[in-house]
Amino acid sequence: ARKMLPADVMLNFHTHETAGIGGLCYKSAIEAGA
């Protein structure tokens, strides 16, 4: 998604901790460009 969008378009990621992996997914999203 980051490659598809202009650099000035904010890219947001949303998840929940219900399955116990929310923090890990947030870190993955940040490292990918969120």
PDB file of all heavy atoms in Angstrom:
ATOM      1  N   ALA A   1       0.825  -1.212   0.000  1.00  0.00           N
ATOM      2  CA  ALA A   1       0.000   0.000   0.000  1.00  0.00           C
ATOM      3  C   ALA A   1       0.855   1.256   0.000  1.00  0.00           C
ATOM      4  O   ALA A   1       0.541   2.241  -0.685  1.00  0.00           O
ATOM      5  CB  ALA A   1      -0.930  -0.013   1.213  1.00  0.00           C
ATOM      6  N   ARG A   2       1.946   1.227   0.772  1.00  0.00           N
ATOM      7  CA  ARG A   2       2.813   2.399   0.846  1.00  0.00           C
ATOM      8  C   ARG A   2       3.391   2.743  -0.522  1.00  0.00           C
ATOM      9  O   ARG A   2       3.540   3.928  -0.881  1.00  0.00           O
ATOM     10  CB  ARG A   2       3.935   2.138   1.855  1.00  0.00           C
ATOM     11  CG  ARG A   2       4.871   3.293   2.148  1.00  0.00           C
ATOM     12  CD  ARG A   2       4.201   4.409   2.946  1.00  0.00           C
ATOM     13  NE  ARG A   2       3.409   5.324   2.129  1.00  0.00           N
ATOM     14  CZ  ARG A   2       2.605   6.240   2.636  1.00  0.00           C
ATOM     15  NH1 ARG A   2       2.444   6.352   3.938  1.00  0.00           N
ATOM     16  NH2 ARG A   2       1.926   7.032   1.834  1.00  0.00           N
ATOM     17  N   LYS A   3       3.702   1.733  -1.310  1.00  0.00           N
ATOM     18  CA  LYS A   3       4.241   1.957  -2.649  1.00  0.00           C
ATOM     19  C   LYS A   3       3.191   2.532  -3.594  1.00  0.00           C
ATOM     20  O   LYS A   3       3.522   3.254  -4.536  1.00  0.00           O
ATOM     21  CB  LYS A   3       4.791   0.652  -3.222  1.00  0.00           C
ATOM     22  CG  LYS A   3       6.060   0.156  -2.544  1.00  0.00           C
ATOM     23  CD  LYS A   3       6.545  -1.143  -3.179  1.00  0.00           C
ATOM     24  CE  LYS A   3       7.836  -1.626  -2.530  1.00  0.00           C
ATOM     25  NZ  LYS A   3       8.305  -2.916  -3.121  1.00  0.00           N
ATOM     26  N   MET A   4       1.925   2.217  -3.333  1.00  0.00           N
ATOM     27  CA  MET A   4       0.840   2.652  -4.216  1.00  0.00           C
ATOM     28  C   MET A   4       0.387   4.078  -3.940  1.00  0.00           C
ATOM     29  O   MET A   4      -0.157   4.738  -4.823  1.00  0.00           O
ATOM     30  CB  MET A   4      -0.363   1.715  -4.073  1.00  0.00           C
ATOM     31  CG  MET A   4      -0.114   0.289  -4.524  1.00  0.00           C
ATOM     32  SD  MET A   4      -1.494  -0.799  -4.087  1.00  0.00           S
ATOM     33  CE  MET A   4      -2.811  -0.136  -5.108  1.00  0.00           C
ATOM     34  N   LEU A   5       0.594   4.554  -2.720  1.00  0.00           N
ATOM     35  CA  LEU A   5       0.038   5.834  -2.301  1.00  0.00           C
ATOM     36  C   LEU A   5       1.076   6.948  -2.363  1.00  0.00           C
ATOM     37  O   LEU A   5       2.270   6.710  -2.138  1.00  0.00           O
ATOM     38  CB  LEU A   5      -0.500   5.726  -0.875  1.00  0.00           C
ATOM     39  CG  LEU A   5      -1.695   4.783  -0.672  1.00  0.00           C
ATOM     40  CD1 LEU A   5      -1.949   4.573   0.819  1.00  0.00           C
ATOM     41  CD2 LEU A   5      -2.942   5.340  -1.361  1.00  0.00           C
ATOM     42  N   PRO A   6       0.648   8.176  -2.620  1.00  0.00           N
ATOM     43  CA  PRO A   6       1.580   9.312  -2.545  1.00  0.00           C
ATOM     44  C   PRO A   6       2.181   9.417  -1.149  1.00  0.00           C
ATOM     45  O   PRO A   6       1.543   9.058  -0.149  1.00  0.00           O
ATOM     46  CB  PRO A   6       0.683  10.514  -2.855  1.00  0.00           C
ATOM     47  CG  PRO A   6      -0.474   9.951  -3.626  1.00  0.00           C
ATOM     48  CD  PRO A   6      -0.694   8.582  -3.069  1.00  0.00           C
ATOM     49  N   ALA A   7       3.372   9.918  -1.051  1.00  0.00           N
ATOM     50  CA  ALA A   7       4.089   9.964   0.223  1.00  0.00           C
ATOM     51  C   ALA A   7       3.370  10.815   1.259  1.00  0.00           C
ATOM     52  O   ALA A   7       3.500  10.579   2.464  1.00  0.00           O
ATOM     53  CB  ALA A   7       5.507  10.493  -0.005  1.00  0.00           C
ATOM     54  N   ASP A   8       2.589  11.803   0.805  1.00  0.00           N
ATOM     55  CA  ASP A   8       1.926  12.691   1.760  1.00  0.00           C
ATOM     56  C   ASP A   8       0.561  12.178   2.213  1.00  0.00           C
ATOM     57  O   ASP A   8      -0.128  12.844   2.996  1.00  0.00           O
ATOM     58  CB  ASP A   8       1.777  14.092   1.169  1.00  0.00           C
ATOM     59  CG  ASP A   8       0.926  14.112  -0.095  1.00  0.00           C
ATOM     60  OD1 ASP A   8       0.693  13.018  -0.671  1.00  0.00           O
ATOM     61  OD2 ASP A   8       0.495  15.201  -0.513  1.00  0.00           O
ATOM     62  N   VAL A   9       0.131  11.012   1.752  1.00  0.00           N
ATOM     63  CA  VAL A   9      -1.137  10.410   2.197  1.00  0.00           C
ATOM     64  C   VAL A   9      -0.883   9.557   3.423  1.00  0.00           C
ATOM     65  O   VAL A   9      -0.090   8.606   3.375  1.00  0.00           O
ATOM     66  CB  VAL A   9      -1.783   9.568   1.081  1.00  0.00           C
ATOM     67  CG1 VAL A   9      -2.985   8.789   1.631  1.00  0.00           C
ATOM     68  CG2 VAL A   9      -2.215  10.455  -0.079  1.00  0.00           C
ATOM     69  N   MET A  10      -1.519   9.906   4.526  1.00  0.00           N
ATOM     70  CA  MET A  10      -1.317   9.159   5.767  1.00  0.00           C
ATOM     71  C   MET A  10      -1.863   7.733   5.626  1.00  0.00           C
ATOM     72  O   MET A  10      -2.993   7.526   5.184  1.00  0.00           O
ATOM     73  CB  MET A  10      -2.010   9.852   6.943  1.00  0.00           C
ATOM     74  CG  MET A  10      -1.729   9.180   8.294  1.00  0.00           C
ATOM     75  SD  MET A  10      -2.515  10.034   9.687  1.00  0.00           S
ATOM     76  CE  MET A  10      -4.240   9.664   9.400  1.00  0.00           C
ATOM     77  N   LEU A  11      -1.043   6.755   6.026  1.00  0.00           N
ATOM     78  CA  LEU A  11      -1.427   5.350   5.986  1.00  0.00           C
ATOM     79  C   LEU A  11      -1.584   4.859   7.418  1.00  0.00           C
ATOM     80  O   LEU A  11      -0.646   4.891   8.210  1.00  0.00           O
ATOM     81  CB  LEU A  11      -0.360   4.542   5.247  1.00  0.00           C
ATOM     82  CG  LEU A  11      -0.595   3.046   5.061  1.00  0.00           C
ATOM     83  CD1 LEU A  11      -1.938   2.774   4.397  1.00  0.00           C
ATOM     84  CD2 LEU A  11       0.533   2.421   4.236  1.00  0.00           C
ATOM     85  N   ASN A  12      -2.783   4.428   7.743  1.00  0.00           N
ATOM     86  CA  ASN A  12      -3.178   4.062   9.113  1.00  0.00           C
ATOM     87  C   ASN A  12      -3.424   2.555   9.182  1.00  0.00           C
ATOM     88  O   ASN A  12      -3.926   1.959   8.229  1.00  0.00           O
ATOM     89  CB  ASN A  12      -4.467   4.817   9.462  1.00  0.00           C
ATOM     90  CG  ASN A  12      -4.724   4.989  10.944  1.00  0.00           C
ATOM     91  OD1 ASN A  12      -5.353   5.956  11.353  1.00  0.00           O
ATOM     92  ND2 ASN A  12      -4.271   4.068  11.773  1.00  0.00           N
ATOM     93  N   PHE A  13      -3.079   1.944  10.317  1.00  0.00           N
ATOM     94  CA  PHE A  13      -3.396   0.529  10.529  1.00  0.00           C
ATOM     95  C   PHE A  13      -4.139   0.374  11.851  1.00  0.00           C
ATOM     96  O   PHE A  13      -3.801   1.025  12.844  1.00  0.00           O
ATOM     97  CB  PHE A  13      -2.134  -0.337  10.536  1.00  0.00           C
ATOM     98  CG  PHE A  13      -2.407  -1.789  10.819  1.00  0.00           C
ATOM     99  CD1 PHE A  13      -3.144  -2.557   9.927  1.00  0.00           C
ATOM    100  CD2 PHE A  13      -1.961  -2.395  11.995  1.00  0.00           C
ATOM    101  CE1 PHE A  13      -3.419  -3.907  10.197  1.00  0.00           C
ATOM    102  CE2 PHE A  13      -2.233  -3.726  12.263  1.00  0.00           C
ATOM    103  CZ  PHE A  13      -2.957  -4.482  11.364  1.00  0.00           C
ATOM    104  N   HIS A  14      -5.156  -0.478  11.842  1.00  0.00           N
ATOM    105  CA  HIS A  14      -6.017  -0.702  13.004  1.00  0.00           C
ATOM    106  C   HIS A  14      -6.147  -2.193  13.271  1.00  0.00           C
ATOM    107  O   HIS A  14      -6.406  -2.971  12.353  1.00  0.00           O
ATOM    108  CB  HIS A  14      -7.412  -0.111  12.717  1.00  0.00           C
ATOM    109  CG  HIS A  14      -8.491  -0.532  13.666  1.00  0.00           C
ATOM    110  ND1 HIS A  14      -8.969   0.285  14.669  1.00  0.00           N
ATOM    111  CD2 HIS A  14      -9.220  -1.687  13.769  1.00  0.00           C
ATOM    112  CE1 HIS A  14      -9.926  -0.333  15.335  1.00  0.00           C
ATOM    113  NE2 HIS A  14     -10.089  -1.527  14.813  1.00  0.00           N
ATOM    114  N   THR A  15      -5.972  -2.593  14.534  1.00  0.00           N
ATOM    115  CA  THR A  15      -6.216  -3.986  14.900  1.00  0.00           C
ATOM    116  C   THR A  15      -6.664  -4.055  16.359  1.00  0.00           C
ATOM    117  O   THR A  15      -6.831  -3.031  17.022  1.00  0.00           O
ATOM    118  CB  THR A  15      -4.964  -4.859  14.657  1.00  0.00           C
ATOM    119  OG1 THR A  15      -5.332  -6.238  14.772  1.00  0.00           O
ATOM    120  CG2 THR A  15      -3.853  -4.538  15.645  1.00  0.00           C
ATOM    121  N   HIS A  16      -6.885  -5.267  16.832  1.00  0.00           N
ATOM    122  CA  HIS A  16      -7.286  -5.524  18.214  1.00  0.00           C
ATOM    123  C   HIS A  16      -6.346  -6.577  18.809  1.00  0.00           C
ATOM    124  O   HIS A  16      -5.674  -7.310  18.086  1.00  0.00           O
ATOM    125  CB  HIS A  16      -8.723  -6.059  18.282  1.00  0.00           C
ATOM    126  CG  HIS A  16      -9.774  -5.046  17.949  1.00  0.00           C
ATOM    127  ND1 HIS A  16     -10.732  -4.638  18.846  1.00  0.00           N
ATOM    128  CD2 HIS A  16     -10.031  -4.355  16.808  1.00  0.00           C
ATOM    129  CE1 HIS A  16     -11.526  -3.749  18.284  1.00  0.00           C
ATOM    130  NE2 HIS A  16     -11.129  -3.562  17.034  1.00  0.00           N
ATOM    131  N   GLU A  17      -6.360  -6.670  20.137  1.00  0.00           N
ATOM    132  CA  GLU A  17      -5.512  -7.641  20.838  1.00  0.00           C
ATOM    133  C   GLU A  17      -6.218  -8.982  21.073  1.00  0.00           C
ATOM    134  O   GLU A  17      -5.690  -9.837  21.777  1.00  0.00           O
ATOM    135  CB  GLU A  17      -5.076  -7.076  22.190  1.00  0.00           C
ATOM    136  CG  GLU A  17      -3.977  -6.031  22.102  1.00  0.00           C
ATOM    137  CD  GLU A  17      -2.611  -6.623  21.764  1.00  0.00           C
ATOM    138  OE1 GLU A  17      -2.502  -7.856  21.607  1.00  0.00           O
ATOM    139  OE2 GLU A  17      -1.660  -5.843  21.642  1.00  0.00           O
ATOM    140  N   THR A  18      -7.398  -9.176  20.481  1.00  0.00           N
ATOM    141  CA  THR A  18      -8.227 -10.336  20.799  1.00  0.00           C
ATOM    142  C   THR A  18      -7.497 -11.656  20.627  1.00  0.00           C
ATOM    143  O   THR A  18      -7.683 -12.596  21.413  1.00  0.00           O
ATOM    144  CB  THR A  18      -9.500 -10.328  19.922  1.00  0.00           C
ATOM    145  OG1 THR A  18      -9.976  -8.985  19.781  1.00  0.00           O
ATOM    146  CG2 THR A  18     -10.590 -11.182  20.551  1.00  0.00           C
ATOM    147  N   ALA A  19      -6.662 -11.767  19.608  1.00  0.00           N
ATOM    148  CA  ALA A  19      -5.910 -13.009  19.367  1.00  0.00           C
ATOM    149  C   ALA A  19      -4.509 -12.958  19.979  1.00  0.00           C
ATOM    150  O   ALA A  19      -3.730 -13.903  19.827  1.00  0.00           O
ATOM    151  CB  ALA A  19      -5.806 -13.272  17.861  1.00  0.00           C
ATOM    152  N   GLY A  20      -4.178 -11.853  20.653  1.00  0.00           N
ATOM    153  CA  GLY A  20      -2.902 -11.760  21.360  1.00  0.00           C
ATOM    154  C   GLY A  20      -1.726 -11.268  20.542  1.00  0.00           C
ATOM    155  O   GLY A  20      -0.581 -11.331  20.998  1.00  0.00           O
ATOM    156  N   ILE A  21      -1.985 -10.760  19.333  1.00  0.00           N
ATOM    157  CA  ILE A  21      -0.875 -10.364  18.452  1.00  0.00           C
ATOM    158  C   ILE A  21      -0.968  -8.909  18.005  1.00  0.00           C
ATOM    159  O   ILE A  21      -0.277  -8.492  17.072  1.00  0.00           O
ATOM    160  CB  ILE A  21      -0.800 -11.280  17.209  1.00  0.00           C
ATOM    161  CG1 ILE A  21      -2.123 -11.281  16.440  1.00  0.00           C
ATOM    162  CG2 ILE A  21      -0.408 -12.698  17.625  1.00  0.00           C
ATOM    163  CD1 ILE A  21      -2.073 -12.090  15.141  1.00  0.00           C
ATOM    164  N   GLY A  22      -1.810  -8.109  18.666  1.00  0.00           N
ATOM    165  CA  GLY A  22      -2.028  -6.731  18.228  1.00  0.00           C
ATOM    166  C   GLY A  22      -0.764  -5.901  18.215  1.00  0.00           C
ATOM    167  O   GLY A  22      -0.456  -5.216  17.229  1.00  0.00           O
ATOM    168  N   GLY A  23       0.007  -5.921  19.319  1.00  0.00           N
ATOM    169  CA  GLY A  23       1.226  -5.132  19.389  1.00  0.00           C
ATOM    170  C   GLY A  23       2.236  -5.538  18.339  1.00  0.00           C
ATOM    171  O   GLY A  23       2.909  -4.680  17.736  1.00  0.00           O
ATOM    172  N   LEU A  24       2.349  -6.836  18.094  1.00  0.00           N
ATOM    173  CA  LEU A  24       3.278  -7.334  17.083  1.00  0.00           C
ATOM    174  C   LEU A  24       2.841  -6.887  15.683  1.00  0.00           C
ATOM    175  O   LEU A  24       3.677  -6.492  14.860  1.00  0.00           O
ATOM    176  CB  LEU A  24       3.345  -8.860  17.160  1.00  0.00           C
ATOM    177  CG  LEU A  24       4.329  -9.572  16.234  1.00  0.00           C
ATOM    178  CD1 LEU A  24       5.741  -9.031  16.419  1.00  0.00           C
ATOM    179  CD2 LEU A  24       4.298 -11.078  16.490  1.00  0.00           C
ATOM    180  N   CYS A  25       1.539  -6.918  15.420  1.00  0.00           N
ATOM    181  CA  CYS A  25       1.037  -6.474  14.116  1.00  0.00           C
ATOM    182  C   CYS A  25       1.254  -4.972  13.929  1.00  0.00           C
ATOM    183  O   CYS A  25       1.585  -4.513  12.826  1.00  0.00           O
ATOM    184  CB  CYS A  25      -0.434  -6.834  13.968  1.00  0.00           C
ATOM    185  SG  CYS A  25      -0.736  -8.587  13.648  1.00  0.00           S
ATOM    186  N   TYR A  26       1.057  -4.189  15.000  1.00  0.00           N
ATOM    187  CA  TYR A  26       1.315  -2.754  14.902  1.00  0.00           C
ATOM    188  C   TYR A  26       2.781  -2.493  14.561  1.00  0.00           C
ATOM    189  O   TYR A  26       3.098  -1.650  13.721  1.00  0.00           O
ATOM    190  CB  TYR A  26       0.942  -2.055  16.208  1.00  0.00           C
ATOM    191  CG  TYR A  26      -0.519  -1.692  16.322  1.00  0.00           C
ATOM    192  CD1 TYR A  26      -1.215  -1.898  17.508  1.00  0.00           C
ATOM    193  CD2 TYR A  26      -1.204  -1.121  15.244  1.00  0.00           C
ATOM    194  CE1 TYR A  26      -2.555  -1.550  17.629  1.00  0.00           C
ATOM    195  CE2 TYR A  26      -2.542  -0.778  15.349  1.00  0.00           C
ATOM    196  CZ  TYR A  26      -3.222  -0.996  16.544  1.00  0.00           C
ATOM    197  OH  TYR A  26      -4.536  -0.651  16.647  1.00  0.00           O
ATOM    198  N   LYS A  27       3.678  -3.200  15.215  1.00  0.00           N
ATOM    199  CA  LYS A  27       5.110  -3.017  14.936  1.00  0.00           C
ATOM    200  C   LYS A  27       5.423  -3.408  13.487  1.00  0.00           C
ATOM    201  O   LYS A  27       6.195  -2.729  12.797  1.00  0.00           O
ATOM    202  CB  LYS A  27       5.945  -3.838  15.905  1.00  0.00           C
ATOM    203  CG  LYS A  27       7.455  -3.547  15.836  1.00  0.00           C
ATOM    204  CD  LYS A  27       8.182  -4.186  17.002  1.00  0.00           C
ATOM    205  CE  LYS A  27       9.673  -3.814  16.993  1.00  0.00           C
ATOM    206  NZ  LYS A  27      10.386  -4.425  15.878  1.00  0.00           N
ATOM    207  N   SER A  28       4.800  -4.480  13.009  1.00  0.00           N
ATOM    208  CA  SER A  28       5.008  -4.898  11.623  1.00  0.00           C
ATOM    209  C   SER A  28       4.504  -3.838  10.653  1.00  0.00           C
ATOM    210  O   SER A  28       5.155  -3.545   9.633  1.00  0.00           O
ATOM    211  CB  SER A  28       4.283  -6.227  11.360  1.00  0.00           C
ATOM    212  OG  SER A  28       4.840  -7.274  12.133  1.00  0.00           O
ATOM    213  N   ALA A  29       3.343  -3.249  10.959  1.00  0.00           N
ATOM    214  CA  ALA A  29       2.787  -2.208  10.094  1.00  0.00           C
ATOM    215  C   ALA A  29       3.690  -0.981  10.058  1.00  0.00           C
ATOM    216  O   ALA A  29       3.930  -0.392   8.993  1.00  0.00           O
ATOM    217  CB  ALA A  29       1.385  -1.826  10.579  1.00  0.00           C
ATOM    218  N   ILE A  30       4.204  -0.591  11.222  1.00  0.00           N
ATOM    219  CA  ILE A  30       5.095   0.566  11.301  1.00  0.00           C
ATOM    220  C   ILE A  30       6.364   0.329  10.492  1.00  0.00           C
ATOM    221  O   ILE A  30       6.819   1.178   9.725  1.00  0.00           O
ATOM    222  CB  ILE A  30       5.422   0.877  12.774  1.00  0.00           C
ATOM    223  CG1 ILE A  30       4.178   1.413  13.492  1.00  0.00           C
ATOM    224  CG2 ILE A  30       6.573   1.868  12.885  1.00  0.00           C
ATOM    225  CD1 ILE A  30       4.319   1.490  14.999  1.00  0.00           C
ATOM    226  N   GLU A  31       6.934  -0.851  10.640  1.00  0.00           N
ATOM    227  CA  GLU A  31       8.162  -1.182   9.907  1.00  0.00           C
ATOM    228  C   GLU A  31       7.929  -1.249   8.404  1.00  0.00           C
ATOM    229  O   GLU A  31       8.853  -1.033   7.618  1.00  0.00           O
ATOM    230  CB  GLU A  31       8.715  -2.509  10.420  1.00  0.00           C
ATOM    231  CG  GLU A  31       9.265  -2.418  11.840  1.00  0.00           C
ATOM    232  CD  GLU A  31       9.641  -3.763  12.428  1.00  0.00           C
ATOM    233  OE1 GLU A  31       9.181  -4.815  11.893  1.00  0.00           O
ATOM    234  OE2 GLU A  31      10.381  -3.786  13.424  1.00  0.00           O
ATOM    235  N   ALA A  32       6.682  -1.506   7.994  1.00  0.00           N
ATOM    236  CA  ALA A  32       6.362  -1.583   6.569  1.00  0.00           C
ATOM    237  C   ALA A  32       6.004  -0.231   5.975  1.00  0.00           C
ATOM    238  O   ALA A  32       5.824  -0.119   4.752  1.00  0.00           O
ATOM    239  CB  ALA A  32       5.210  -2.561   6.351  1.00  0.00           C
ATOM    240  N   GLY A  33       5.860   0.796   6.841  1.00  0.00           N
ATOM    241  CA  GLY A  33       5.604   2.131   6.312  1.00  0.00           C
ATOM    242  C   GLY A  33       4.352   2.816   6.800  1.00  0.00           C
ATOM    243  O   GLY A  33       4.007   3.899   6.299  1.00  0.00           O
ATOM    244  N   ALA A  34       3.639   2.248   7.775  1.00  0.00           N
ATOM    245  CA  ALA A  34       2.451   2.914   8.309  1.00  0.00           C
ATOM    246  C   ALA A  34       2.853   4.191   9.047  1.00  0.00           C
ATOM    247  O   ALA A  34       3.858   4.218   9.763  1.00  0.00           O
ATOM    248  CB  ALA A  34       1.690   1.980   9.250  1.00  0.00           C
TER     249      ALA A  34
END
